[in-house]
Amino acid sequence: MGATTFETTGKGKTVGEAFQNARDQALWDYGHRGYTGSLAEKDDYVETVLPDGVEVDEFIGALMDGLHMWSVGDEPLEGKVPDWAPPNWEVLVEVYDSKWGPCVAIKTAPDEWTFCGWAST
């Protein structure tokens, strides 16, 4: 089985309500069969707030770059931590990178969160 990244927005008075609304929509859009590559595969989230002056696409791109080591040929490369990264950055990167665990929930506006991460396909 594979995995793919997803990004979806949910609205609600709380992050829990926004997550449920967005997950219900993903289940409607992609079905209940599993392996949809969407928020439908997630049961939980880890919440964070979008830092001032940072766009959500920049935040998610930095999560993709991550803190982990990866290899290109024989040369190991290390991801950089953005200056604006929240204190729990390493946890957020690990959550984002897991196709089986929770997703990242980024508060982007009043009553709005962006949910993102890897999901099984």
PDB file of N, CA and C in Angstrom:
ATOM      1  N   MET A   1       0.835  -1.178   0.000  1.00  0.00           N
ATOM      2  CA  MET A   1       0.000   0.000   0.000  1.00  0.00           C
ATOM      3  C   MET A   1       0.879   1.240   0.000  1.00  0.00           C
ATOM      4  N   GLY A   2       0.376   2.292  -0.609  1.00  0.00           N
ATOM      5  CA  GLY A   2       1.130   3.527  -0.719  1.00  0.00           C
ATOM      6  C   GLY A   2       0.572   4.613   0.173  1.00  0.00           C
ATOM      7  N   ALA A   3       1.010   5.808  -0.098  1.00  0.00           N
ATOM      8  CA  ALA A   3       0.543   6.970   0.653  1.00  0.00           C
ATOM      9  C   ALA A   3       0.674   8.204  -0.221  1.00  0.00           C
ATOM     10  N   THR A   4      -0.086   9.213   0.116  1.00  0.00           N
ATOM     11  CA  THR A   4      -0.017  10.502  -0.563  1.00  0.00           C
ATOM     12  C   THR A   4      -0.308  11.593   0.450  1.00  0.00           C
ATOM     13  N   THR A   5       0.080  12.807   0.130  1.00  0.00           N
ATOM     14  CA  THR A   5      -0.218  13.920   1.023  1.00  0.00           C
ATOM     15  C   THR A   5      -1.601  14.475   0.716  1.00  0.00           C
ATOM     16  N   PHE A   6      -2.190  15.074   1.716  1.00  0.00           N
ATOM     17  CA  PHE A   6      -3.481  15.740   1.544  1.00  0.00           C
ATOM     18  C   PHE A   6      -3.456  17.053   2.304  1.00  0.00           C
ATOM     19  N   GLU A   7      -4.334  17.942   1.918  1.00  0.00           N
ATOM     20  CA  GLU A   7      -4.537  19.227   2.583  1.00  0.00           C
ATOM     21  C   GLU A   7      -5.999  19.587   2.399  1.00  0.00           C
ATOM     22  N   THR A   8      -6.695  19.837   3.488  1.00  0.00           N
ATOM     23  CA  THR A   8      -8.105  20.197   3.394  1.00  0.00           C
ATOM     24  C   THR A   8      -8.456  21.163   4.521  1.00  0.00           C
ATOM     25  N   THR A   9      -9.442  21.992   4.285  1.00  0.00           N
ATOM     26  CA  THR A   9      -9.860  22.990   5.255  1.00  0.00           C
ATOM     27  C   THR A   9     -11.186  22.587   5.878  1.00  0.00           C
ATOM     28  N   GLY A  10     -11.295  22.821   7.174  1.00  0.00           N
ATOM     29  CA  GLY A  10     -12.540  22.575   7.883  1.00  0.00           C
ATOM     30  C   GLY A  10     -12.939  23.788   8.692  1.00  0.00           C
ATOM     31  N   LYS A  11     -14.230  23.974   8.831  1.00  0.00           N
ATOM     32  CA  LYS A  11     -14.744  25.103   9.608  1.00  0.00           C
ATOM     33  C   LYS A  11     -15.549  24.583  10.785  1.00  0.00           C
ATOM     34  N   GLY A  12     -15.455  25.316  11.889  1.00  0.00           N
ATOM     35  CA  GLY A  12     -16.188  24.969  13.090  1.00  0.00           C
ATOM     36  C   GLY A  12     -15.804  25.901  14.220  1.00  0.00           C
ATOM     37  N   LYS A  13     -16.582  25.907  15.264  1.00  0.00           N
ATOM     38  CA  LYS A  13     -16.288  26.761  16.426  1.00  0.00           C
ATOM     39  C   LYS A  13     -15.069  26.265  17.185  1.00  0.00           C
ATOM     40  N   THR A  14     -14.772  24.960  17.102  1.00  0.00           N
ATOM     41  CA  THR A  14     -13.608  24.361  17.752  1.00  0.00           C
ATOM     42  C   THR A  14     -12.852  23.541  16.717  1.00  0.00           C
ATOM     43  N   VAL A  15     -11.621  23.207  17.038  1.00  0.00           N
ATOM     44  CA  VAL A  15     -10.840  22.368  16.142  1.00  0.00           C
ATOM     45  C   VAL A  15     -11.485  20.996  15.990  1.00  0.00           C
ATOM     46  N   GLY A  16     -12.077  20.486  17.081  1.00  0.00           N
ATOM     47  CA  GLY A  16     -12.758  19.192  17.012  1.00  0.00           C
ATOM     48  C   GLY A  16     -13.945  19.212  16.067  1.00  0.00           C
ATOM     49  N   GLU A  17     -14.724  20.276  16.127  1.00  0.00           N
ATOM     50  CA  GLU A  17     -15.874  20.417  15.230  1.00  0.00           C
ATOM     51  C   GLU A  17     -15.411  20.578  13.778  1.00  0.00           C
ATOM     52  N   ALA A  18     -14.364  21.379  13.562  1.00  0.00           N
ATOM     53  CA  ALA A  18     -13.835  21.574  12.209  1.00  0.00           C
ATOM     54  C   ALA A  18     -13.286  20.260  11.656  1.00  0.00           C
ATOM     55  N   PHE A  19     -12.586  19.484  12.498  1.00  0.00           N
ATOM     56  CA  PHE A  19     -12.045  18.193  12.074  1.00  0.00           C
ATOM     57  C   PHE A  19     -13.180  17.254  11.674  1.00  0.00           C
ATOM     58  N   GLN A  20     -14.199  17.175  12.503  1.00  0.00           N
ATOM     59  CA  GLN A  20     -15.319  16.278  12.198  1.00  0.00           C
ATOM     60  C   GLN A  20     -16.027  16.697  10.912  1.00  0.00           C
ATOM     61  N   ASN A  21     -16.233  18.003  10.741  1.00  0.00           N
ATOM     62  CA  ASN A  21     -16.875  18.488   9.512  1.00  0.00           C
ATOM     63  C   ASN A  21     -16.043  18.159   8.273  1.00  0.00           C
ATOM     64  N   ALA A  22     -14.726  18.396   8.349  1.00  0.00           N
ATOM     65  CA  ALA A  22     -13.852  18.129   7.209  1.00  0.00           C
ATOM     66  C   ALA A  22     -13.733  16.632   6.948  1.00  0.00           C
ATOM     67  N   ARG A  23     -13.670  15.831   8.007  1.00  0.00           N
ATOM     68  CA  ARG A  23     -13.561  14.372   7.843  1.00  0.00           C
ATOM     69  C   ARG A  23     -14.857  13.806   7.263  1.00  0.00           C
ATOM     70  N   ASP A  24     -15.997  14.292   7.756  1.00  0.00           N
ATOM     71  CA  ASP A  24     -17.278  13.852   7.194  1.00  0.00           C
ATOM     72  C   ASP A  24     -17.356  14.162   5.697  1.00  0.00           C
ATOM     73  N   GLN A  25     -16.867  15.340   5.304  1.00  0.00           N
ATOM     74  CA  GLN A  25     -16.868  15.709   3.892  1.00  0.00           C
ATOM     75  C   GLN A  25     -15.946  14.791   3.092  1.00  0.00           C
ATOM     76  N   ALA A  26     -14.775  14.478   3.650  1.00  0.00           N
ATOM     77  CA  ALA A  26     -13.842  13.572   2.968  1.00  0.00           C
ATOM     78  C   ALA A  26     -14.457  12.180   2.808  1.00  0.00           C
ATOM     79  N   LEU A  27     -15.153  11.706   3.832  1.00  0.00           N
ATOM     80  CA  LEU A  27     -15.826  10.408   3.732  1.00  0.00           C
ATOM     81  C   LEU A  27     -16.905  10.445   2.649  1.00  0.00           C
ATOM     82  N   TRP A  28     -17.609  11.552   2.553  1.00  0.00           N
ATOM     83  CA  TRP A  28     -18.629  11.715   1.516  1.00  0.00           C
ATOM     84  C   TRP A  28     -17.978  11.736   0.131  1.00  0.00           C
ATOM     85  N   ASP A  29     -16.883  12.520   0.008  1.00  0.00           N
ATOM     86  CA  ASP A  29     -16.218  12.681  -1.287  1.00  0.00           C
ATOM     87  C   ASP A  29     -15.489  11.416  -1.755  1.00  0.00           C
ATOM     88  N   TYR A  30     -14.841  10.706  -0.822  1.00  0.00           N
ATOM     89  CA  TYR A  30     -13.958   9.593  -1.198  1.00  0.00           C
ATOM     90  C   TYR A  30     -14.478   8.222  -0.782  1.00  0.00           C
ATOM     91  N   GLY A  31     -15.523   8.186   0.018  1.00  0.00           N
ATOM     92  CA  GLY A  31     -16.095   6.913   0.428  1.00  0.00           C
ATOM     93  C   GLY A  31     -15.505   6.373   1.717  1.00  0.00           C
ATOM     94  N   HIS A  32     -16.088   5.280   2.191  1.00  0.00           N
ATOM     95  CA  HIS A  32     -15.727   4.670   3.466  1.00  0.00           C
ATOM     96  C   HIS A  32     -14.858   3.425   3.288  1.00  0.00           C
ATOM     97  N   ARG A  33     -14.346   3.196   2.106  1.00  0.00           N
ATOM     98  CA  ARG A  33     -13.647   1.952   1.802  1.00  0.00           C
ATOM     99  C   ARG A  33     -12.237   1.892   2.363  1.00  0.00           C
ATOM    100  N   GLY A  34     -11.656   3.004   2.768  1.00  0.00           N
ATOM    101  CA  GLY A  34     -10.283   3.043   3.243  1.00  0.00           C
ATOM    102  C   GLY A  34      -9.318   3.299   2.112  1.00  0.00           C
ATOM    103  N   TYR A  35      -8.099   3.634   2.464  1.00  0.00           N
ATOM    104  CA  TYR A  35      -7.025   3.868   1.500  1.00  0.00           C
ATOM    105  C   TYR A  35      -7.402   4.938   0.472  1.00  0.00           C
ATOM    106  N   THR A  36      -8.009   6.017   0.945  1.00  0.00           N
ATOM    107  CA  THR A  36      -8.468   7.082   0.052  1.00  0.00           C
ATOM    108  C   THR A  36      -7.419   8.161  -0.181  1.00  0.00           C
ATOM    109  N   GLY A  37      -6.374   8.207   0.634  1.00  0.00           N
ATOM    110  CA  GLY A  37      -5.382   9.272   0.522  1.00  0.00           C
ATOM    111  C   GLY A  37      -5.914  10.619   0.966  1.00  0.00           C
ATOM    112  N   SER A  38      -6.912  10.596   1.835  1.00  0.00           N
ATOM    113  CA  SER A  38      -7.562  11.838   2.269  1.00  0.00           C
ATOM    114  C   SER A  38      -7.692  11.871   3.794  1.00  0.00           C
ATOM    115  N   LEU A  39      -8.266  12.939   4.280  1.00  0.00           N
ATOM    116  CA  LEU A  39      -8.531  13.085   5.711  1.00  0.00           C
ATOM    117  C   LEU A  39      -9.443  11.984   6.234  1.00  0.00           C
ATOM    118  N   ALA A  40     -10.153  11.316   5.345  1.00  0.00           N
ATOM    119  CA  ALA A  40     -11.031  10.213   5.763  1.00  0.00           C
ATOM    120  C   ALA A  40     -10.253   9.117   6.483  1.00  0.00           C
ATOM    121  N   GLU A  41      -8.935   9.029   6.244  1.00  0.00           N
ATOM    122  CA  GLU A  41      -8.099   7.994   6.862  1.00  0.00           C
ATOM    123  C   GLU A  41      -7.629   8.356   8.262  1.00  0.00           C
ATOM    124  N   LYS A  42      -7.912   9.559   8.719  1.00  0.00           N
ATOM    125  CA  LYS A  42      -7.399  10.043  10.004  1.00  0.00           C
ATOM    126  C   LYS A  42      -8.476  10.014  11.081  1.00  0.00           C
ATOM    127  N   ASP A  43      -8.045   9.666  12.283  1.00  0.00           N
ATOM    128  CA  ASP A  43      -8.958   9.630  13.426  1.00  0.00           C
ATOM    129  C   ASP A  43      -8.671  10.724  14.440  1.00  0.00           C
ATOM    130  N   ASP A  44      -7.558  11.417  14.289  1.00  0.00           N
ATOM    131  CA  ASP A  44      -7.152  12.393  15.291  1.00  0.00           C
ATOM    132  C   ASP A  44      -6.266  13.444  14.637  1.00  0.00           C
ATOM    133  N   TYR A  45      -5.875  14.445  15.404  1.00  0.00           N
ATOM    134  CA  TYR A  45      -5.074  15.557  14.915  1.00  0.00           C
ATOM    135  C   TYR A  45      -4.197  16.087  16.039  1.00  0.00           C
ATOM    136  N   VAL A  46      -3.157  16.813  15.663  1.00  0.00           N
ATOM    137  CA  VAL A  46      -2.331  17.575  16.598  1.00  0.00           C
ATOM    138  C   VAL A  46      -2.438  19.019  16.144  1.00  0.00           C
ATOM    139  N   GLU A  47      -2.901  19.872  17.032  1.00  0.00           N
ATOM    140  CA  GLU A  47      -3.207  21.258  16.665  1.00  0.00           C
ATOM    141  C   GLU A  47      -2.005  22.174  16.834  1.00  0.00           C
ATOM    142  N   THR A  48      -1.891  23.139  15.934  1.00  0.00           N
ATOM    143  CA  THR A  48      -0.911  24.215  16.037  1.00  0.00           C
ATOM    144  C   THR A  48      -1.533  25.477  15.452  1.00  0.00           C
ATOM    145  N   VAL A  49      -0.884  26.595  15.671  1.00  0.00           N
ATOM    146  CA  VAL A  49      -1.365  27.884  15.167  1.00  0.00           C
ATOM    147  C   VAL A  49      -0.419  28.360  14.082  1.00  0.00           C
ATOM    148  N   LEU A  50      -0.950  28.900  13.024  1.00  0.00           N
ATOM    149  CA  LEU A  50      -0.141  29.455  11.942  1.00  0.00           C
ATOM    150  C   LEU A  50       0.599  30.686  12.471  1.00  0.00           C
ATOM    151  N   PRO A  51       1.934  30.681  12.431  1.00  0.00           N
ATOM    152  CA  PRO A  51       2.689  31.840  12.931  1.00  0.00           C
ATOM    153  C   PRO A  51       2.364  33.106  12.137  1.00  0.00           C
ATOM    154  N   ASP A  52       2.450  34.245  12.795  1.00  0.00           N
ATOM    155  CA  ASP A  52       2.203  35.531  12.135  1.00  0.00           C
ATOM    156  C   ASP A  52       3.136  35.694  10.942  1.00  0.00           C
ATOM    157  N   GLY A  53       2.584  36.138   9.835  1.00  0.00           N
ATOM    158  CA  GLY A  53       3.366  36.422   8.643  1.00  0.00           C
ATOM    159  C   GLY A  53       3.719  35.205   7.803  1.00  0.00           C
ATOM    160  N   VAL A  54       3.276  34.026   8.203  1.00  0.00           N
ATOM    161  CA  VAL A  54       3.583  32.797   7.472  1.00  0.00           C
ATOM    162  C   VAL A  54       2.308  32.316   6.781  1.00  0.00           C
ATOM    163  N   GLU A  55       2.414  32.044   5.495  1.00  0.00           N
ATOM    164  CA  GLU A  55       1.284  31.507   4.732  1.00  0.00           C
ATOM    165  C   GLU A  55       1.173  30.004   4.992  1.00  0.00           C
ATOM    166  N   VAL A  56      -0.029  29.472   4.894  1.00  0.00           N
ATOM    167  CA  VAL A  56      -0.243  28.054   5.177  1.00  0.00           C
ATOM    168  C   VAL A  56       0.567  27.176   4.220  1.00  0.00           C
ATOM    169  N   ASP A  57       0.704  27.568   2.960  1.00  0.00           N
ATOM    170  CA  ASP A  57       1.495  26.775   2.008  1.00  0.00           C
ATOM    171  C   ASP A  57       2.970  26.738   2.402  1.00  0.00           C
ATOM    172  N   GLU A  58       3.484  27.849   2.915  1.00  0.00           N
ATOM    173  CA  GLU A  58       4.873  27.892   3.388  1.00  0.00           C
ATOM    174  C   GLU A  58       5.044  26.971   4.601  1.00  0.00           C
ATOM    175  N   PHE A  59       4.084  26.994   5.517  1.00  0.00           N
ATOM    176  CA  PHE A  59       4.130  26.156   6.714  1.00  0.00           C
ATOM    177  C   PHE A  59       4.137  24.679   6.322  1.00  0.00           C
ATOM    178  N   ILE A  60       3.236  24.297   5.428  1.00  0.00           N
ATOM    179  CA  ILE A  60       3.142  22.895   5.011  1.00  0.00           C
ATOM    180  C   ILE A  60       4.392  22.483   4.232  1.00  0.00           C
ATOM    181  N   GLY A  61       4.912  23.375   3.407  1.00  0.00           N
ATOM    182  CA  GLY A  61       6.147  23.084   2.688  1.00  0.00           C
ATOM    183  C   GLY A  61       7.308  22.820   3.632  1.00  0.00           C
ATOM    184  N   ALA A  62       7.377  23.592   4.705  1.00  0.00           N
ATOM    185  CA  ALA A  62       8.435  23.383   5.701  1.00  0.00           C
ATOM    186  C   ALA A  62       8.232  22.059   6.436  1.00  0.00           C
ATOM    187  N   LEU A  63       6.983  21.690   6.697  1.00  0.00           N
ATOM    188  CA  LEU A  63       6.727  20.377   7.295  1.00  0.00           C
ATOM    189  C   LEU A  63       7.228  19.272   6.374  1.00  0.00           C
ATOM    190  N   MET A  64       7.007  19.431   5.076  1.00  0.00           N
ATOM    191  CA  MET A  64       7.471  18.438   4.103  1.00  0.00           C
ATOM    192  C   MET A  64       8.995  18.317   4.135  1.00  0.00           C
ATOM    193  N   ASP A  65       9.671  19.452   4.245  1.00  0.00           N
ATOM    194  CA  ASP A  65      11.133  19.428   4.306  1.00  0.00           C
ATOM    195  C   ASP A  65      11.605  18.714   5.570  1.00  0.00           C
ATOM    196  N   GLY A  66      10.930  18.972   6.658  1.00  0.00           N
ATOM    197  CA  GLY A  66      11.134  18.252   7.901  1.00  0.00           C
ATOM    198  C   GLY A  66      12.458  18.447   8.607  1.00  0.00           C
ATOM    199  N   LEU A  67      12.578  17.741   9.711  1.00  0.00           N
ATOM    200  CA  LEU A  67      13.789  17.756  10.523  1.00  0.00           C
ATOM    201  C   LEU A  67      14.591  16.486  10.349  1.00  0.00           C
ATOM    202  N   HIS A  68      14.039  15.539   9.662  1.00  0.00           N
ATOM    203  CA  HIS A  68      14.668  14.226   9.560  1.00  0.00           C
ATOM    204  C   HIS A  68      15.800  14.223   8.538  1.00  0.00           C
ATOM    205  N   MET A  69      16.588  13.212   8.585  1.00  0.00           N
ATOM    206  CA  MET A  69      17.670  13.023   7.619  1.00  0.00           C
ATOM    207  C   MET A  69      17.121  12.218   6.453  1.00  0.00           C
ATOM    208  N   TRP A  70      17.563  12.539   5.268  1.00  0.00           N
ATOM    209  CA  TRP A  70      17.246  11.714   4.127  1.00  0.00           C
ATOM    210  C   TRP A  70      18.486  11.685   3.231  1.00  0.00           C
ATOM    211  N   SER A  71      18.512  10.834   2.270  1.00  0.00           N
ATOM    212  CA  SER A  71      19.718  10.649   1.489  1.00  0.00           C
ATOM    213  C   SER A  71      19.459  10.937   0.018  1.00  0.00           C
ATOM    214  N   VAL A  72      20.376  11.654  -0.596  1.00  0.00           N
ATOM    215  CA  VAL A  72      20.370  11.878  -2.033  1.00  0.00           C
ATOM    216  C   VAL A  72      21.710  11.326  -2.515  1.00  0.00           C
ATOM    217  N   GLY A  73      21.672  10.191  -3.186  1.00  0.00           N
ATOM    218  CA  GLY A  73      22.918   9.520  -3.541  1.00  0.00           C
ATOM    219  C   GLY A  73      23.607   9.069  -2.269  1.00  0.00           C
ATOM    220  N   ASP A  74      24.850   9.442  -2.099  1.00  0.00           N
ATOM    221  CA  ASP A  74      25.598   9.076  -0.900  1.00  0.00           C
ATOM    222  C   ASP A  74      25.693  10.223   0.095  1.00  0.00           C
ATOM    223  N   GLU A  75      25.149  11.369  -0.249  1.00  0.00           N
ATOM    224  CA  GLU A  75      25.278  12.548   0.597  1.00  0.00           C
ATOM    225  C   GLU A  75      24.048  12.737   1.477  1.00  0.00           C
ATOM    226  N   PRO A  76      24.187  12.613   2.812  1.00  0.00           N
ATOM    227  CA  PRO A  76      23.036  12.881   3.683  1.00  0.00           C
ATOM    228  C   PRO A  76      22.747  14.386   3.752  1.00  0.00           C
ATOM    229  N   LEU A  77      21.496  14.709   3.779  1.00  0.00           N
ATOM    230  CA  LEU A  77      21.059  16.097   3.891  1.00  0.00           C
ATOM    231  C   LEU A  77      20.182  16.228   5.126  1.00  0.00           C
ATOM    232  N   GLU A  78      20.204  17.368   5.757  1.00  0.00           N
ATOM    233  CA  GLU A  78      19.370  17.576   6.936  1.00  0.00           C
ATOM    234  C   GLU A  78      18.430  18.739   6.689  1.00  0.00           C
ATOM    235  N   GLY A  79      17.149  18.545   7.039  1.00  0.00           N
ATOM    236  CA  GLY A  79      16.172  19.615   6.889  1.00  0.00           C
ATOM    237  C   GLY A  79      16.474  20.753   7.848  1.00  0.00           C
ATOM    238  N   LYS A  80      16.051  21.954   7.488  1.00  0.00           N
ATOM    239  CA  LYS A  80      16.270  23.123   8.323  1.00  0.00           C
ATOM    240  C   LYS A  80      15.012  23.439   9.117  1.00  0.00           C
ATOM    241  N   VAL A  81      15.220  23.962  10.299  1.00  0.00           N
ATOM    242  CA  VAL A  81      14.109  24.418  11.124  1.00  0.00           C
ATOM    243  C   VAL A  81      13.875  25.892  10.805  1.00  0.00           C
ATOM    244  N   PRO A  82      12.667  26.249  10.374  1.00  0.00           N
ATOM    245  CA  PRO A  82      12.396  27.659  10.075  1.00  0.00           C
ATOM    246  C   PRO A  82      12.518  28.523  11.335  1.00  0.00           C
ATOM    247  N   ASP A  83      12.899  29.783  11.151  1.00  0.00           N
ATOM    248  CA  ASP A  83      13.014  30.712  12.286  1.00  0.00           C
ATOM    249  C   ASP A  83      11.696  30.846  13.032  1.00  0.00           C
ATOM    250  N   TRP A  84      10.597  30.719  12.320  1.00  0.00           N
ATOM    251  CA  TRP A  84       9.271  30.919  12.897  1.00  0.00           C
ATOM    252  C   TRP A  84       8.658  29.636  13.473  1.00  0.00           C
ATOM    253  N   ALA A  85       9.385  28.533  13.432  1.00  0.00           N
ATOM    254  CA  ALA A  85       8.838  27.242  13.858  1.00  0.00           C
ATOM    255  C   ALA A  85       8.378  27.279  15.314  1.00  0.00           C
ATOM    256  N   PRO A  86       7.201  26.703  15.610  1.00  0.00           N
ATOM    257  CA  PRO A  86       6.742  26.625  16.988  1.00  0.00           C
ATOM    258  C   PRO A  86       7.613  25.659  17.793  1.00  0.00           C
ATOM    259  N   PRO A  87       7.553  25.739  19.126  1.00  0.00           N
ATOM    260  CA  PRO A  87       8.400  24.897  19.969  1.00  0.00           C
ATOM    261  C   PRO A  87       8.218  23.392  19.739  1.00  0.00           C
ATOM    262  N   ASN A  88       7.051  22.961  19.315  1.00  0.00           N
ATOM    263  CA  ASN A  88       6.800  21.534  19.102  1.00  0.00           C
ATOM    264  C   ASN A  88       7.014  21.134  17.633  1.00  0.00           C
ATOM    265  N   TRP A  89       7.883  21.827  16.922  1.00  0.00           N
ATOM    266  CA  TRP A  89       8.100  21.609  15.495  1.00  0.00           C
ATOM    267  C   TRP A  89       8.434  20.158  15.166  1.00  0.00           C
ATOM    268  N   GLU A  90       9.349  19.567  15.916  1.00  0.00           N
ATOM    269  CA  GLU A  90       9.760  18.196  15.630  1.00  0.00           C
ATOM    270  C   GLU A  90       8.571  17.236  15.740  1.00  0.00           C
ATOM    271  N   VAL A  91       7.720  17.451  16.723  1.00  0.00           N
ATOM    272  CA  VAL A  91       6.515  16.624  16.873  1.00  0.00           C
ATOM    273  C   VAL A  91       5.603  16.809  15.669  1.00  0.00           C
ATOM    274  N   LEU A  92       5.414  18.056  15.239  1.00  0.00           N
ATOM    275  CA  LEU A  92       4.552  18.325  14.083  1.00  0.00           C
ATOM    276  C   LEU A  92       5.077  17.649  12.821  1.00  0.00           C
ATOM    277  N   VAL A  93       6.382  17.664  12.635  1.00  0.00           N
ATOM    278  CA  VAL A  93       6.975  17.009  11.466  1.00  0.00           C
ATOM    279  C   VAL A  93       6.733  15.509  11.527  1.00  0.00           C
ATOM    280  N   GLU A  94       6.924  14.908  12.692  1.00  0.00           N
ATOM    281  CA  GLU A  94       6.681  13.466  12.844  1.00  0.00           C
ATOM    282  C   GLU A  94       5.221  13.120  12.590  1.00  0.00           C
ATOM    283  N   VAL A  95       4.309  13.947  13.087  1.00  0.00           N
ATOM    284  CA  VAL A  95       2.883  13.726  12.859  1.00  0.00           C
ATOM    285  C   VAL A  95       2.576  13.840  11.374  1.00  0.00           C
ATOM    286  N   TYR A  96       3.078  14.879  10.734  1.00  0.00           N
ATOM    287  CA  TYR A  96       2.834  15.091   9.304  1.00  0.00           C
ATOM    288  C   TYR A  96       3.330  13.904   8.489  1.00  0.00           C
ATOM    289  N   ASP A  97       4.478  13.372   8.858  1.00  0.00           N
ATOM    290  CA  ASP A  97       5.117  12.301   8.085  1.00  0.00           C
ATOM    291  C   ASP A  97       4.482  10.929   8.274  1.00  0.00           C
ATOM    292  N   SER A  98       3.564  10.776   9.211  1.00  0.00           N
ATOM    293  CA  SER A  98       2.980   9.462   9.487  1.00  0.00           C
ATOM    294  C   SER A  98       1.686   9.246   8.707  1.00  0.00           C
ATOM    295  N   LYS A  99       1.658   8.211   7.892  1.00  0.00           N
ATOM    296  CA  LYS A  99       0.417   7.935   7.153  1.00  0.00           C
ATOM    297  C   LYS A  99      -0.620   7.240   8.030  1.00  0.00           C
ATOM    298  N   TRP A 100      -0.213   6.678   9.159  1.00  0.00           N
ATOM    299  CA  TRP A 100      -1.150   5.946  10.008  1.00  0.00           C
ATOM    300  C   TRP A 100      -1.597   6.739  11.232  1.00  0.00           C
ATOM    301  N   GLY A 101      -0.834   7.717  11.678  1.00  0.00           N
ATOM    302  CA  GLY A 101      -1.160   8.469  12.885  1.00  0.00           C
ATOM    303  C   GLY A 101      -2.107   9.616  12.632  1.00  0.00           C
ATOM    304  N   PRO A 102      -2.146  10.550  13.563  1.00  0.00           N
ATOM    305  CA  PRO A 102      -3.012  11.726  13.393  1.00  0.00           C
ATOM    306  C   PRO A 102      -2.478  12.642  12.301  1.00  0.00           C
ATOM    307  N   CYS A 103      -3.242  13.671  11.984  1.00  0.00           N
ATOM    308  CA  CYS A 103      -2.805  14.683  11.020  1.00  0.00           C
ATOM    309  C   CYS A 103      -2.448  15.958  11.782  1.00  0.00           C
ATOM    310  N   VAL A 104      -1.913  16.928  11.075  1.00  0.00           N
ATOM    311  CA  VAL A 104      -1.626  18.240  11.640  1.00  0.00           C
ATOM    312  C   VAL A 104      -2.831  19.134  11.389  1.00  0.00           C
ATOM    313  N   ALA A 105      -3.251  19.862  12.408  1.00  0.00           N
ATOM    314  CA  ALA A 105      -4.353  20.821  12.308  1.00  0.00           C
ATOM    315  C   ALA A 105      -3.782  22.209  12.554  1.00  0.00           C
ATOM    316  N   ILE A 106      -3.812  23.055  11.534  1.00  0.00           N
ATOM    317  CA  ILE A 106      -3.232  24.394  11.612  1.00  0.00           C
ATOM    318  C   ILE A 106      -4.362  25.415  11.655  1.00  0.00           C
ATOM    319  N   LYS A 107      -4.430  26.179  12.739  1.00  0.00           N
ATOM    320  CA  LYS A 107      -5.461  27.227  12.823  1.00  0.00           C
ATOM    321  C   LYS A 107      -5.066  28.345  11.874  1.00  0.00           C
ATOM    322  N   THR A 108      -5.895  28.587  10.871  1.00  0.00           N
ATOM    323  CA  THR A 108      -5.576  29.555   9.830  1.00  0.00           C
ATOM    324  C   THR A 108      -6.436  30.818   9.877  1.00  0.00           C
ATOM    325  N   ALA A 109      -7.559  30.758  10.557  1.00  0.00           N
ATOM    326  CA  ALA A 109      -8.475  31.901  10.667  1.00  0.00           C
ATOM    327  C   ALA A 109      -9.446  31.592  11.800  1.00  0.00           C
ATOM    328  N   PRO A 110     -10.198  32.593  12.249  1.00  0.00           N
ATOM    329  CA  PRO A 110     -11.220  32.285  13.243  1.00  0.00           C
ATOM    330  C   PRO A 110     -12.176  31.219  12.688  1.00  0.00           C
ATOM    331  N   ASP A 111     -12.404  30.201  13.464  1.00  0.00           N
ATOM    332  CA  ASP A 111     -13.325  29.121  13.088  1.00  0.00           C
ATOM    333  C   ASP A 111     -12.880  28.358  11.836  1.00  0.00           C
ATOM    334  N   GLU A 112     -11.564  28.321  11.546  1.00  0.00           N
ATOM    335  CA  GLU A 112     -11.077  27.609  10.370  1.00  0.00           C
ATOM    336  C   GLU A 112      -9.718  26.969  10.655  1.00  0.00           C
ATOM    337  N   TRP A 113      -9.564  25.725  10.250  1.00  0.00           N
ATOM    338  CA  TRP A 113      -8.327  24.977  10.396  1.00  0.00           C
ATOM    339  C   TRP A 113      -8.005  24.292   9.081  1.00  0.00           C
ATOM    340  N   THR A 114      -6.711  24.165   8.775  1.00  0.00           N
ATOM    341  CA  THR A 114      -6.255  23.371   7.646  1.00  0.00           C
ATOM    342  C   THR A 114      -5.682  22.080   8.204  1.00  0.00           C
ATOM    343  N   PHE A 115      -6.154  20.970   7.709  1.00  0.00           N
ATOM    344  CA  PHE A 115      -5.695  19.644   8.129  1.00  0.00           C
ATOM    345  C   PHE A 115      -4.813  19.086   7.014  1.00  0.00           C
ATOM    346  N   CYS A 116      -3.665  18.549   7.405  1.00  0.00           N
ATOM    347  CA  CYS A 116      -2.734  18.055   6.390  1.00  0.00           C
ATOM    348  C   CYS A 116      -1.882  16.916   6.934  1.00  0.00           C
ATOM    349  N   GLY A 117      -1.282  16.195   5.993  1.00  0.00           N
ATOM    350  CA  GLY A 117      -0.387  15.110   6.349  1.00  0.00           C
ATOM    351  C   GLY A 117      -0.351  14.081   5.240  1.00  0.00           C
ATOM    352  N   TRP A 118       0.159  12.915   5.580  1.00  0.00           N
ATOM    353  CA  TRP A 118       0.176  11.763   4.679  1.00  0.00           C
ATOM    354  C   TRP A 118      -0.999  10.877   5.026  1.00  0.00           C
ATOM    355  N   ALA A 119      -1.575  10.231   4.036  1.00  0.00           N
ATOM    356  CA  ALA A 119      -2.655   9.270   4.259  1.00  0.00           C
ATOM    357  C   ALA A 119      -2.457   8.079   3.337  1.00  0.00           C
ATOM    358  N   SER A 120      -2.874   6.928   3.796  1.00  0.00           N
ATOM    359  CA  SER A 120      -2.693   5.702   3.039  1.00  0.00           C
ATOM    360  C   SER A 120      -3.563   5.686   1.786  1.00  0.00           C
ATOM    361  N   THR A 121      -3.012   5.063   0.732  1.00  0.00           N
ATOM    362  CA  THR A 121      -3.745   4.909  -0.533  1.00  0.00           C
ATOM    363  C   THR A 121      -3.781   3.463  -0.942  1.00  0.00           C
TER     364      THR A 121
END
